[in-house]
Amino acid sequence: MDKLESMQVYVCVVDTHSFARAAEVLGLPRSTVSRVIKTLEAYLGIQLLQRTTRKLSVTADGRRYYDECKNLLANIVAMESSFPGRSAQPKGRFKVGMPQSLARHCILPRLPGFLRHYPDLELILCSSDNVEDIIQEGYDCAIRTGRIDDSTTLVARPLANFTWVILASPTYIARHGKPETVNDLERHHAVGYLNHRTGRTIEWFFTLDDGDCAIRMKETLAVDDTDAYIQAGVEGLGLIRVASYLAAPYLKSGALVPCMGNLSFDLPLSLVYPQNRYLPPSVRAFYTWSRAVLHQPSEAALGALDGGF
């Protein structure tokens, strides 16, 4: 039995709450993961996990062993990463999640430069708007929008701030006029964007002199895809609210017109990764690069790749 490998498998099973997910993350057959855990329990002479058809839970002994394994594995990685030859070259599988619109419009166009710089990195990019549990889903890190509430198991590092902008097509403005204030919105309707978690459309937030406020617009159409949402706005089906990085090309072409320019609500972007005692080289490299890309929309971001934080 390879003790170190067994510890890695066990930690992954606990982190993902599933033999199947752990097998997927580790790239192993599920039967192998199950066999490793059984062998480990027999070797230690304790039960680490309680298994039922519906739930996988950790025993008291299993929790203590998990904590010790986590610390030991973190120390090994930290020690290896302290050597320049190891820390400077991220290698192996690296899974990152982010909103679809951000991936499509900001990250993917510049990703070839990142991969050329780190040829030994096997990148898995999941462009999802619903990355809820990055530990269970086996993500090394994820870009999230808004405030990060989970500070006990996750670390959030700021990447950039964007602004929500209200847009309308020239045809919509010709028919309904152009809203200039929050009160004007009562006479207008919008395209709704569905939140998959709640099944409801998303409210609009504004920062006013007396604080933040949320408004639920009258909607004649609701969609669950960013491209469809913007296209509905272009077709004059209602007002839309998007991040400023998405609005730029449509404003330049005249397909959409800005409304309520004096009102805004900041959209923070953060890189989120599991709490640990060390920062993997791949996460460090991706943070440095993506932060530069979001602040410098050009290949100049490659100049920051050898930096750190």
C-alpha atoms as a PDB file:
ATOM      1  CA  MET A   1       0.000   0.000   0.000  1.00  0.00           C
ATOM      2  CA  ASP A   2       1.332   3.428  -0.977  1.00  0.00           C
ATOM      3  CA  LYS A   3       0.586   5.426   2.179  1.00  0.00           C
ATOM      4  CA  LEU A   4       0.927   8.831   0.577  1.00  0.00           C
ATOM      5  CA  GLU A   5      -1.322   7.946  -2.342  1.00  0.00           C
ATOM      6  CA  SER A   6      -3.853   6.404   0.048  1.00  0.00           C
ATOM      7  CA  MET A   7      -3.933   9.617   2.072  1.00  0.00           C
ATOM      8  CA  GLN A   8      -4.500  11.657  -1.080  1.00  0.00           C
ATOM      9  CA  VAL A   9      -7.380   9.405  -2.126  1.00  0.00           C
ATOM     10  CA  TYR A  10      -8.945   9.538   1.330  1.00  0.00           C
ATOM     11  CA  VAL A  11      -8.734  13.338   1.554  1.00  0.00           C
ATOM     12  CA  CYS A  12     -10.315  13.644  -1.883  1.00  0.00           C
ATOM     13  CA  VAL A  13     -13.208  11.345  -0.914  1.00  0.00           C
ATOM     14  CA  VAL A  14     -13.913  13.414   2.205  1.00  0.00           C
ATOM     15  CA  ASP A  15     -13.621  16.727   0.327  1.00  0.00           C
ATOM     16  CA  THR A  16     -15.985  15.650  -2.439  1.00  0.00           C
ATOM     17  CA  HIS A  17     -18.357  13.631  -0.209  1.00  0.00           C
ATOM     18  CA  SER A  18     -18.431  10.932  -2.866  1.00  0.00           C
ATOM     19  CA  PHE A  19     -16.438   7.958  -4.143  1.00  0.00           C
ATOM     20  CA  ALA A  20     -17.621   8.698  -7.670  1.00  0.00           C
ATOM     21  CA  ARG A  21     -16.611  12.368  -7.596  1.00  0.00           C
ATOM     22  CA  ALA A  22     -13.268  11.523  -6.036  1.00  0.00           C
ATOM     23  CA  ALA A  23     -12.626   8.974  -8.778  1.00  0.00           C
ATOM     24  CA  GLU A  24     -13.414  11.614 -11.402  1.00  0.00           C
ATOM     25  CA  VAL A  25     -11.173  14.229  -9.777  1.00  0.00           C
ATOM     26  CA  LEU A  26      -8.275  11.796  -9.371  1.00  0.00           C
ATOM     27  CA  GLY A  27      -8.713  10.148 -12.752  1.00  0.00           C
ATOM     28  CA  LEU A  28      -9.083   6.683 -11.192  1.00  0.00           C
ATOM     29  CA  PRO A  29     -11.686   3.931 -11.542  1.00  0.00           C
ATOM     30  CA  ARG A  30     -14.297   4.054  -8.791  1.00  0.00           C
ATOM     31  CA  SER A  31     -13.418   0.493  -7.814  1.00  0.00           C
ATOM     32  CA  THR A  32      -9.831   1.575  -7.196  1.00  0.00           C
ATOM     33  CA  VAL A  33     -10.920   4.401  -4.905  1.00  0.00           C
ATOM     34  CA  SER A  34     -13.164   2.041  -2.949  1.00  0.00           C
ATOM     35  CA  ARG A  35     -10.393  -0.560  -2.654  1.00  0.00           C
ATOM     36  CA  VAL A  36      -7.884   2.040  -1.424  1.00  0.00           C
ATOM     37  CA  ILE A  37     -10.239   3.179   1.346  1.00  0.00           C
ATOM     38  CA  LYS A  38     -10.967  -0.399   2.458  1.00  0.00           C
ATOM     39  CA  THR A  39      -7.243  -1.226   2.509  1.00  0.00           C
ATOM     40  CA  LEU A  40      -6.522   1.941   4.469  1.00  0.00           C
ATOM     41  CA  GLU A  41      -9.203   1.154   7.058  1.00  0.00           C
ATOM     42  CA  ALA A  42      -7.876  -2.387   7.453  1.00  0.00           C
ATOM     43  CA  TYR A  43      -4.312  -1.108   7.855  1.00  0.00           C
ATOM     44  CA  LEU A  44      -5.310   1.471  10.493  1.00  0.00           C
ATOM     45  CA  GLY A  45      -7.760  -0.846  12.233  1.00  0.00           C
ATOM     46  CA  ILE A  46     -10.482   1.821  12.336  1.00  0.00           C
ATOM     47  CA  GLN A  47     -13.569   2.807  10.374  1.00  0.00           C
ATOM     48  CA  LEU A  48     -12.965   6.061   8.561  1.00  0.00           C
ATOM     49  CA  LEU A  49     -16.252   6.422   6.691  1.00  0.00           C
ATOM     50  CA  GLN A  50     -19.835   5.406   7.258  1.00  0.00           C
ATOM     51  CA  ARG A  51     -21.529   4.421   4.006  1.00  0.00           C
ATOM     52  CA  THR A  52     -25.239   4.204   3.248  1.00  0.00           C
ATOM     53  CA  THR A  53     -27.094   4.154  -0.049  1.00  0.00           C
ATOM     54  CA  ARG A  54     -27.817   7.874   0.313  1.00  0.00           C
ATOM     55  CA  LYS A  55     -25.030   9.373   2.378  1.00  0.00           C
ATOM     56  CA  LEU A  56     -21.317   9.198   3.021  1.00  0.00           C
ATOM     57  CA  SER A  57     -20.246  10.535   6.435  1.00  0.00           C
ATOM     58  CA  VAL A  58     -16.965  10.719   8.308  1.00  0.00           C
ATOM     59  CA  THR A  59     -16.496   8.997  11.674  1.00  0.00           C
ATOM     60  CA  ALA A  60     -14.810  10.734  14.624  1.00  0.00           C
ATOM     61  CA  ASP A  61     -11.611   8.771  13.963  1.00  0.00           C
ATOM     62  CA  GLY A  62     -11.982   9.491  10.274  1.00  0.00           C
ATOM     63  CA  ARG A  63     -12.208  13.242  10.918  1.00  0.00           C
ATOM     64  CA  ARG A  64      -9.055  13.196  13.033  1.00  0.00           C
ATOM     65  CA  TYR A  65      -7.200  11.176  10.398  1.00  0.00           C
ATOM     66  CA  TYR A  66      -8.464  13.527   7.674  1.00  0.00           C
ATOM     67  CA  ASP A  67      -7.138  16.597   9.519  1.00  0.00           C
ATOM     68  CA  GLU A  68      -3.731  14.996  10.012  1.00  0.00           C
ATOM     69  CA  CYS A  69      -3.557  13.865   6.362  1.00  0.00           C
ATOM     70  CA  LYS A  70      -4.545  17.342   5.183  1.00  0.00           C
ATOM     71  CA  ASN A  71      -1.766  18.947   7.203  1.00  0.00           C
ATOM     72  CA  LEU A  72       0.813  16.393   6.118  1.00  0.00           C
ATOM     73  CA  LEU A  73      -0.045  16.667   2.421  1.00  0.00           C
ATOM     74  CA  ALA A  74      -0.053  20.468   2.631  1.00  0.00           C
ATOM     75  CA  ASN A  75       3.399  20.435   4.236  1.00  0.00           C
ATOM     76  CA  ILE A  76       4.747  18.152   1.512  1.00  0.00           C
ATOM     77  CA  VAL A  77       3.422  20.355  -1.276  1.00  0.00           C
ATOM     78  CA  ALA A  78       4.641  23.516   0.465  1.00  0.00           C
ATOM     79  CA  MET A  79       8.086  22.005   0.879  1.00  0.00           C
ATOM     80  CA  GLU A  80       8.263  20.938  -2.777  1.00  0.00           C
ATOM     81  CA  SER A  81       6.952  24.288  -3.959  1.00  0.00           C
ATOM     82  CA  SER A  82       9.668  26.121  -2.030  1.00  0.00           C
ATOM     83  CA  PHE A  83      12.226  25.003  -4.600  1.00  0.00           C
ATOM     84  CA  PRO A  84      12.394  27.465  -7.553  1.00  0.00           C
ATOM     85  CA  GLY A  85      12.366  24.741 -10.169  1.00  0.00           C
ATOM     86  CA  ARG A  86       9.083  23.355  -8.809  1.00  0.00           C
ATOM     87  CA  SER A  87       7.213  26.532  -7.915  1.00  0.00           C
ATOM     88  CA  ALA A  88       7.919  28.309 -11.184  1.00  0.00           C
ATOM     89  CA  GLN A  89       6.406  25.646 -13.428  1.00  0.00           C
ATOM     90  CA  PRO A  90       2.803  24.600 -12.693  1.00  0.00           C
ATOM     91  CA  LYS A  91       2.114  21.114 -14.004  1.00  0.00           C
ATOM     92  CA  GLY A  92      -0.694  18.613 -14.301  1.00  0.00           C
ATOM     93  CA  ARG A  93      -4.459  18.837 -14.136  1.00  0.00           C
ATOM     94  CA  PHE A  94      -5.915  22.262 -13.281  1.00  0.00           C
ATOM     95  CA  LYS A  95      -9.692  22.765 -13.130  1.00  0.00           C
ATOM     96  CA  VAL A  96     -11.115  26.279 -13.000  1.00  0.00           C
ATOM     97  CA  GLY A  97     -14.708  27.507 -13.175  1.00  0.00           C
ATOM     98  CA  MET A  98     -16.121  30.901 -14.104  1.00  0.00           C
ATOM     99  CA  PRO A  99     -19.275  32.543 -15.502  1.00  0.00           C
ATOM    100  CA  GLN A 100     -19.940  31.755 -19.147  1.00  0.00           C
ATOM    101  CA  SER A 101     -19.949  35.387 -20.234  1.00  0.00           C
ATOM    102  CA  LEU A 102     -16.609  36.103 -18.571  1.00  0.00           C
ATOM    103  CA  ALA A 103     -15.031  33.010 -20.121  1.00  0.00           C
ATOM    104  CA  ARG A 104     -16.323  33.803 -23.595  1.00  0.00           C
ATOM    105  CA  HIS A 105     -15.565  37.510 -23.730  1.00  0.00           C
ATOM    106  CA  CYS A 106     -12.526  38.028 -21.480  1.00  0.00           C
ATOM    107  CA  ILE A 107     -10.642  34.827 -20.679  1.00  0.00           C
ATOM    108  CA  LEU A 108     -10.820  32.537 -23.722  1.00  0.00           C
ATOM    109  CA  PRO A 109      -9.581  35.113 -26.281  1.00  0.00           C
ATOM    110  CA  ARG A 110      -6.340  35.473 -24.314  1.00  0.00           C
ATOM    111  CA  LEU A 111      -5.996  31.944 -22.960  1.00  0.00           C
ATOM    112  CA  PRO A 112      -3.578  30.718 -25.682  1.00  0.00           C
ATOM    113  CA  GLY A 113      -0.873  32.983 -24.270  1.00  0.00           C
ATOM    114  CA  PHE A 114      -1.313  31.532 -20.783  1.00  0.00           C
ATOM    115  CA  LEU A 115      -1.106  27.961 -22.066  1.00  0.00           C
ATOM    116  CA  ARG A 116       1.971  28.730 -24.142  1.00  0.00           C
ATOM    117  CA  HIS A 117       3.647  30.034 -21.018  1.00  0.00           C
ATOM    118  CA  TYR A 118       2.736  26.889 -19.045  1.00  0.00           C
ATOM    119  CA  PRO A 119       2.819  24.030 -21.582  1.00  0.00           C
ATOM    120  CA  ASP A 120       2.759  21.313 -18.902  1.00  0.00           C
ATOM    121  CA  LEU A 121      -0.531  22.503 -17.428  1.00  0.00           C
ATOM    122  CA  GLU A 122      -3.618  20.425 -18.328  1.00  0.00           C
ATOM    123  CA  LEU A 123      -6.350  23.059 -18.053  1.00  0.00           C
ATOM    124  CA  ILE A 124     -10.026  22.165 -17.599  1.00  0.00           C
ATOM    125  CA  LEU A 125     -12.160  25.298 -17.936  1.00  0.00           C
ATOM    126  CA  CYS A 126     -15.811  24.955 -16.962  1.00  0.00           C
ATOM    127  CA  SER A 127     -17.735  28.036 -18.040  1.00  0.00           C
ATOM    128  CA  SER A 128     -20.638  27.764 -15.660  1.00  0.00           C
ATOM    129  CA  ASP A 129     -22.703  30.443 -13.930  1.00  0.00           C
ATOM    130  CA  ASN A 130     -23.502  27.989 -11.135  1.00  0.00           C
ATOM    131  CA  VAL A 131     -20.257  26.886  -9.538  1.00  0.00           C
ATOM    132  CA  GLU A 132     -21.678  26.406  -6.045  1.00  0.00           C
ATOM    133  CA  ASP A 133     -19.311  24.020  -4.312  1.00  0.00           C
ATOM    134  CA  ILE A 134     -15.850  24.127  -5.781  1.00  0.00           C
ATOM    135  CA  ILE A 135     -14.577  21.501  -3.344  1.00  0.00           C
ATOM    136  CA  GLN A 136     -17.229  18.888  -4.094  1.00  0.00           C
ATOM    137  CA  GLU A 137     -16.937  19.455  -7.835  1.00  0.00           C
ATOM    138  CA  GLY A 138     -13.155  19.138  -7.780  1.00  0.00           C
ATOM    139  CA  TYR A 139     -12.279  22.697  -8.801  1.00  0.00           C
ATOM    140  CA  ASP A 140      -8.830  24.028  -8.013  1.00  0.00           C
ATOM    141  CA  CYS A 141     -10.283  27.531  -8.123  1.00  0.00           C
ATOM    142  CA  ALA A 142     -13.188  29.507  -9.567  1.00  0.00           C
ATOM    143  CA  ILE A 143     -13.945  33.087 -10.518  1.00  0.00           C
ATOM    144  CA  ARG A 144     -17.072  34.276  -8.740  1.00  0.00           C
ATOM    145  CA  THR A 145     -19.044  37.489  -8.892  1.00  0.00           C
ATOM    146  CA  GLY A 146     -20.417  39.328  -5.882  1.00  0.00           C
ATOM    147  CA  ARG A 147     -19.673  38.966  -2.198  1.00  0.00           C
ATOM    148  CA  ILE A 148     -18.172  35.665  -1.019  1.00  0.00           C
ATOM    149  CA  ASP A 149     -19.937  34.584   2.177  1.00  0.00           C
ATOM    150  CA  ASP A 150     -18.150  31.285   2.843  1.00  0.00           C
ATOM    151  CA  SER A 151     -14.953  32.393   4.590  1.00  0.00           C
ATOM    152  CA  THR A 152     -14.444  29.231   6.636  1.00  0.00           C
ATOM    153  CA  THR A 153     -13.518  26.790   3.853  1.00  0.00           C
ATOM    154  CA  LEU A 154     -12.759  29.179   0.978  1.00  0.00           C
ATOM    155  CA  VAL A 155     -10.229  31.923   0.303  1.00  0.00           C
ATOM    156  CA  ALA A 156     -11.321  34.812  -1.936  1.00  0.00           C
ATOM    157  CA  ARG A 157      -8.777  37.112  -3.569  1.00  0.00           C
ATOM    158  CA  PRO A 158      -9.973  40.205  -5.454  1.00  0.00           C
ATOM    159  CA  LEU A 159      -9.463  40.280  -9.214  1.00  0.00           C
ATOM    160  CA  ALA A 160     -11.300  43.348 -10.489  1.00  0.00           C
ATOM    161  CA  ASN A 161     -14.430  45.458 -10.208  1.00  0.00           C
ATOM    162  CA  PHE A 162     -16.883  46.020 -13.006  1.00  0.00           C
ATOM    163  CA  THR A 163     -20.063  48.065 -13.126  1.00  0.00           C
ATOM    164  CA  TRP A 164     -23.595  47.053 -14.002  1.00  0.00           C
ATOM    165  CA  VAL A 165     -24.930  49.148 -16.882  1.00  0.00           C
ATOM    166  CA  ILE A 166     -28.526  49.521 -18.071  1.00  0.00           C
ATOM    167  CA  LEU A 167     -28.908  49.241 -21.843  1.00  0.00           C
ATOM    168  CA  ALA A 168     -31.699  49.552 -24.390  1.00  0.00           C
ATOM    169  CA  SER A 169     -31.898  49.304 -28.153  1.00  0.00           C
ATOM    170  CA  PRO A 170     -32.622  52.420 -30.227  1.00  0.00           C
ATOM    171  CA  THR A 171     -35.961  50.874 -31.264  1.00  0.00           C
ATOM    172  CA  TYR A 172     -36.979  50.344 -27.623  1.00  0.00           C
ATOM    173  CA  ILE A 173     -36.087  53.955 -26.780  1.00  0.00           C
ATOM    174  CA  ALA A 174     -38.054  55.206 -29.807  1.00  0.00           C
ATOM    175  CA  ARG A 175     -41.156  53.381 -28.531  1.00  0.00           C
ATOM    176  CA  HIS A 176     -40.851  53.800 -24.758  1.00  0.00           C
ATOM    177  CA  GLY A 177     -38.391  56.579 -24.107  1.00  0.00           C
ATOM    178  CA  LYS A 178     -35.127  56.471 -22.217  1.00  0.00           C
ATOM    179  CA  PRO A 179     -35.129  55.975 -18.427  1.00  0.00           C
ATOM    180  CA  GLU A 180     -32.908  58.404 -16.533  1.00  0.00           C
ATOM    181  CA  THR A 181     -33.772  57.730 -12.879  1.00  0.00           C
ATOM    182  CA  VAL A 182     -34.789  54.798 -10.701  1.00  0.00           C
ATOM    183  CA  ASN A 183     -38.338  56.184 -10.543  1.00  0.00           C
ATOM    184  CA  ASP A 184     -38.491  56.119 -14.357  1.00  0.00           C
ATOM    185  CA  LEU A 185     -38.121  52.332 -14.280  1.00  0.00           C
ATOM    186  CA  GLU A 186     -41.716  51.974 -13.078  1.00  0.00           C
ATOM    187  CA  ARG A 187     -42.848  52.928 -16.601  1.00  0.00           C
ATOM    188  CA  HIS A 188     -40.551  50.457 -18.347  1.00  0.00           C
ATOM    189  CA  HIS A 189     -40.186  46.708 -18.736  1.00  0.00           C
ATOM    190  CA  ALA A 190     -37.090  44.545 -18.919  1.00  0.00           C
ATOM    191  CA  VAL A 191     -35.788  41.211 -20.105  1.00  0.00           C
ATOM    192  CA  GLY A 192     -35.475  38.920 -17.090  1.00  0.00           C
ATOM    193  CA  TYR A 193     -32.470  36.732 -16.368  1.00  0.00           C
ATOM    194  CA  LEU A 194     -33.267  33.483 -14.559  1.00  0.00           C
ATOM    195  CA  ASN A 195     -31.305  32.385 -11.512  1.00  0.00           C
ATOM    196  CA  HIS A 196     -31.082  28.572 -11.721  1.00  0.00           C
ATOM    197  CA  ARG A 197     -30.788  28.196  -7.964  1.00  0.00           C
ATOM    198  CA  THR A 198     -33.958  30.091  -7.085  1.00  0.00           C
ATOM    199  CA  GLY A 199     -35.957  29.678 -10.296  1.00  0.00           C
ATOM    200  CA  ARG A 200     -36.678  33.411 -10.192  1.00  0.00           C
ATOM    201  CA  THR A 201     -35.337  36.292 -12.239  1.00  0.00           C
ATOM    202  CA  ILE A 202     -32.589  38.443 -10.785  1.00  0.00           C
ATOM    203  CA  GLU A 203     -33.357  41.789  -9.154  1.00  0.00           C
ATOM    204  CA  TRP A 204     -31.579  44.961 -10.235  1.00  0.00           C
ATOM    205  CA  PHE A 205     -29.339  46.631  -7.663  1.00  0.00           C
ATOM    206  CA  PHE A 206     -28.339  50.288  -7.533  1.00  0.00           C
ATOM    207  CA  THR A 207     -26.071  52.354  -5.316  1.00  0.00           C
ATOM    208  CA  LEU A 208     -27.867  55.554  -4.319  1.00  0.00           C
ATOM    209  CA  ASP A 209     -26.959  58.410  -1.989  1.00  0.00           C
ATOM    210  CA  ASP A 210     -28.930  56.819   0.848  1.00  0.00           C
ATOM    211  CA  GLY A 211     -27.589  53.295   0.270  1.00  0.00           C
ATOM    212  CA  ASP A 212     -28.137  50.285  -1.979  1.00  0.00           C
ATOM    213  CA  CYS A 213     -31.578  49.381  -3.301  1.00  0.00           C
ATOM    214  CA  ALA A 214     -33.031  46.392  -5.167  1.00  0.00           C
ATOM    215  CA  ILE A 215     -35.736  46.668  -7.811  1.00  0.00           C
ATOM    216  CA  ARG A 216     -37.786  43.909  -9.398  1.00  0.00           C
ATOM    217  CA  MET A 217     -38.617  44.969 -12.936  1.00  0.00           C
ATOM    218  CA  LYS A 218     -41.771  44.228 -14.926  1.00  0.00           C
ATOM    219  CA  GLU A 219     -40.741  41.544 -17.402  1.00  0.00           C
ATOM    220  CA  THR A 220     -42.297  40.323 -20.631  1.00  0.00           C
ATOM    221  CA  LEU A 221     -39.583  37.737 -21.312  1.00  0.00           C
ATOM    222  CA  ALA A 222     -37.147  35.728 -19.181  1.00  0.00           C
ATOM    223  CA  VAL A 223     -34.080  33.819 -20.430  1.00  0.00           C
ATOM    224  CA  ASP A 224     -31.304  31.801 -18.801  1.00  0.00           C
ATOM    225  CA  ASP A 225     -28.436  32.434 -21.221  1.00  0.00           C
ATOM    226  CA  THR A 226     -26.252  35.543 -21.428  1.00  0.00           C
ATOM    227  CA  ASP A 227     -26.074  35.652 -25.234  1.00  0.00           C
ATOM    228  CA  ALA A 228     -29.860  35.259 -25.516  1.00  0.00           C
ATOM    229  CA  TYR A 229     -30.297  37.943 -22.863  1.00  0.00           C
ATOM    230  CA  ILE A 230     -28.185  40.481 -24.754  1.00  0.00           C
ATOM    231  CA  GLN A 231     -29.777  39.580 -28.083  1.00  0.00           C
ATOM    232  CA  ALA A 232     -33.227  40.130 -26.605  1.00  0.00           C
ATOM    233  CA  GLY A 233     -32.094  43.613 -25.623  1.00  0.00           C
ATOM    234  CA  VAL A 234     -30.752  44.273 -29.114  1.00  0.00           C
ATOM    235  CA  GLU A 235     -34.127  43.220 -30.554  1.00  0.00           C
ATOM    236  CA  GLY A 236     -35.881  45.820 -28.408  1.00  0.00           C
ATOM    237  CA  LEU A 237     -37.712  43.350 -26.155  1.00  0.00           C
ATOM    238  CA  GLY A 238     -36.869  45.296 -23.011  1.00  0.00           C
ATOM    239  CA  LEU A 239     -34.170  46.949 -20.945  1.00  0.00           C
ATOM    240  CA  ILE A 240     -31.230  44.769 -19.954  1.00  0.00           C
ATOM    241  CA  ARG A 241     -28.573  45.068 -17.251  1.00  0.00           C
ATOM    242  CA  VAL A 242     -25.121  43.635 -17.955  1.00  0.00           C
ATOM    243  CA  ALA A 243     -21.549  43.958 -16.742  1.00  0.00           C
ATOM    244  CA  SER A 244     -19.600  46.766 -18.368  1.00  0.00           C
ATOM    245  CA  TYR A 245     -17.122  44.353 -19.988  1.00  0.00           C
ATOM    246  CA  LEU A 246     -20.008  42.805 -21.964  1.00  0.00           C
ATOM    247  CA  ALA A 247     -21.540  46.124 -22.960  1.00  0.00           C
ATOM    248  CA  ALA A 248     -18.537  47.667 -24.736  1.00  0.00           C
ATOM    249  CA  PRO A 249     -18.885  46.143 -28.253  1.00  0.00           C
ATOM    250  CA  TYR A 250     -22.638  46.810 -28.410  1.00  0.00           C
ATOM    251  CA  LEU A 251     -22.190  50.406 -27.306  1.00  0.00           C
ATOM    252  CA  LYS A 252     -19.457  50.878 -29.908  1.00  0.00           C
ATOM    253  CA  SER A 253     -21.641  49.519 -32.718  1.00  0.00           C
ATOM    254  CA  GLY A 254     -24.718  51.454 -31.598  1.00  0.00           C
ATOM    255  CA  ALA A 255     -26.800  48.296 -31.224  1.00  0.00           C
ATOM    256  CA  LEU A 256     -27.441  49.269 -27.607  1.00  0.00           C
ATOM    257  CA  VAL A 257     -27.610  52.646 -25.884  1.00  0.00           C
ATOM    258  CA  PRO A 258     -26.657  53.347 -22.232  1.00  0.00           C
ATOM    259  CA  CYS A 259     -29.388  54.461 -19.847  1.00  0.00           C
ATOM    260  CA  MET A 260     -29.213  55.926 -16.352  1.00  0.00           C
ATOM    261  CA  GLY A 261     -25.511  56.635 -16.677  1.00  0.00           C
ATOM    262  CA  ASN A 262     -25.312  58.350 -13.289  1.00  0.00           C
ATOM    263  CA  LEU A 263     -26.451  55.232 -11.408  1.00  0.00           C
ATOM    264  CA  SER A 264     -24.403  52.080 -10.974  1.00  0.00           C
ATOM    265  CA  PHE A 265     -23.729  49.064  -8.828  1.00  0.00           C
ATOM    266  CA  ASP A 266     -20.248  47.615  -8.617  1.00  0.00           C
ATOM    267  CA  LEU A 267     -19.697  43.980  -9.566  1.00  0.00           C
ATOM    268  CA  PRO A 268     -16.666  42.545  -7.746  1.00  0.00           C
ATOM    269  CA  LEU A 269     -14.879  39.542  -9.222  1.00  0.00           C
ATOM    270  CA  SER A 270     -12.828  37.252  -6.985  1.00  0.00           C
ATOM    271  CA  LEU A 271     -10.705  34.166  -7.437  1.00  0.00           C
ATOM    272  CA  VAL A 272     -11.931  31.600  -4.910  1.00  0.00           C
ATOM    273  CA  TYR A 273     -10.078  28.455  -3.863  1.00  0.00           C
ATOM    274  CA  PRO A 274     -10.203  25.981  -0.943  1.00  0.00           C
ATOM    275  CA  GLN A 275      -8.717  27.112   2.354  1.00  0.00           C
ATOM    276  CA  ASN A 276      -5.330  25.517   2.899  1.00  0.00           C
ATOM    277  CA  ARG A 277      -1.909  26.188   4.302  1.00  0.00           C
ATOM    278  CA  TYR A 278      -0.293  26.559   0.891  1.00  0.00           C
ATOM    279  CA  LEU A 279      -1.142  28.063  -2.462  1.00  0.00           C
ATOM    280  CA  PRO A 280      -0.643  25.650  -5.393  1.00  0.00           C
ATOM    281  CA  PRO A 281       1.623  27.061  -8.118  1.00  0.00           C
ATOM    282  CA  SER A 282      -1.128  26.641 -10.731  1.00  0.00           C
ATOM    283  CA  VAL A 283      -3.591  28.745  -8.718  1.00  0.00           C
ATOM    284  CA  ARG A 284      -0.944  31.382  -8.077  1.00  0.00           C
ATOM    285  CA  ALA A 285      -0.095  31.570 -11.779  1.00  0.00           C
ATOM    286  CA  PHE A 286      -3.743  31.730 -12.882  1.00  0.00           C
ATOM    287  CA  TYR A 287      -4.570  34.437 -10.338  1.00  0.00           C
ATOM    288  CA  THR A 288      -1.665  36.626 -11.438  1.00  0.00           C
ATOM    289  CA  TRP A 289      -2.518  36.185 -15.125  1.00  0.00           C
ATOM    290  CA  SER A 290      -6.307  36.589 -14.871  1.00  0.00           C
ATOM    291  CA  ARG A 291      -5.968  39.680 -12.681  1.00  0.00           C
ATOM    292  CA  ALA A 292      -3.664  41.231 -15.260  1.00  0.00           C
ATOM    293  CA  VAL A 293      -6.012  40.284 -18.109  1.00  0.00           C
ATOM    294  CA  LEU A 294      -9.010  41.864 -16.390  1.00  0.00           C
ATOM    295  CA  HIS A 295      -7.064  45.055 -15.742  1.00  0.00           C
ATOM    296  CA  GLN A 296      -5.103  45.056 -19.003  1.00  0.00           C
ATOM    297  CA  PRO A 297      -7.183  43.756 -21.932  1.00  0.00           C
ATOM    298  CA  SER A 298      -4.169  42.754 -24.008  1.00  0.00           C
ATOM    299  CA  GLU A 299      -1.326  40.281 -24.238  1.00  0.00           C
ATOM    300  CA  ALA A 300       0.601  42.637 -21.940  1.00  0.00           C
ATOM    301  CA  ALA A 301      -0.884  40.509 -19.170  1.00  0.00           C
ATOM    302  CA  LEU A 302       1.731  37.876 -19.951  1.00  0.00           C
ATOM    303  CA  GLY A 303       4.336  40.156 -18.440  1.00  0.00           C
ATOM    304  CA  ALA A 304       2.785  39.574 -15.029  1.00  0.00           C
ATOM    305  CA  LEU A 305       2.935  35.800 -15.142  1.00  0.00           C
ATOM    306  CA  ASP A 306       6.147  35.522 -13.179  1.00  0.00           C
ATOM    307  CA  GLY A 307       4.847  37.762 -10.421  1.00  0.00           C
ATOM    308  CA  GLY A 308       3.077  36.667  -7.270  1.00  0.00           C
ATOM    309  CA  PHE A 309       0.983  37.786  -4.349  1.00  0.00           C
END
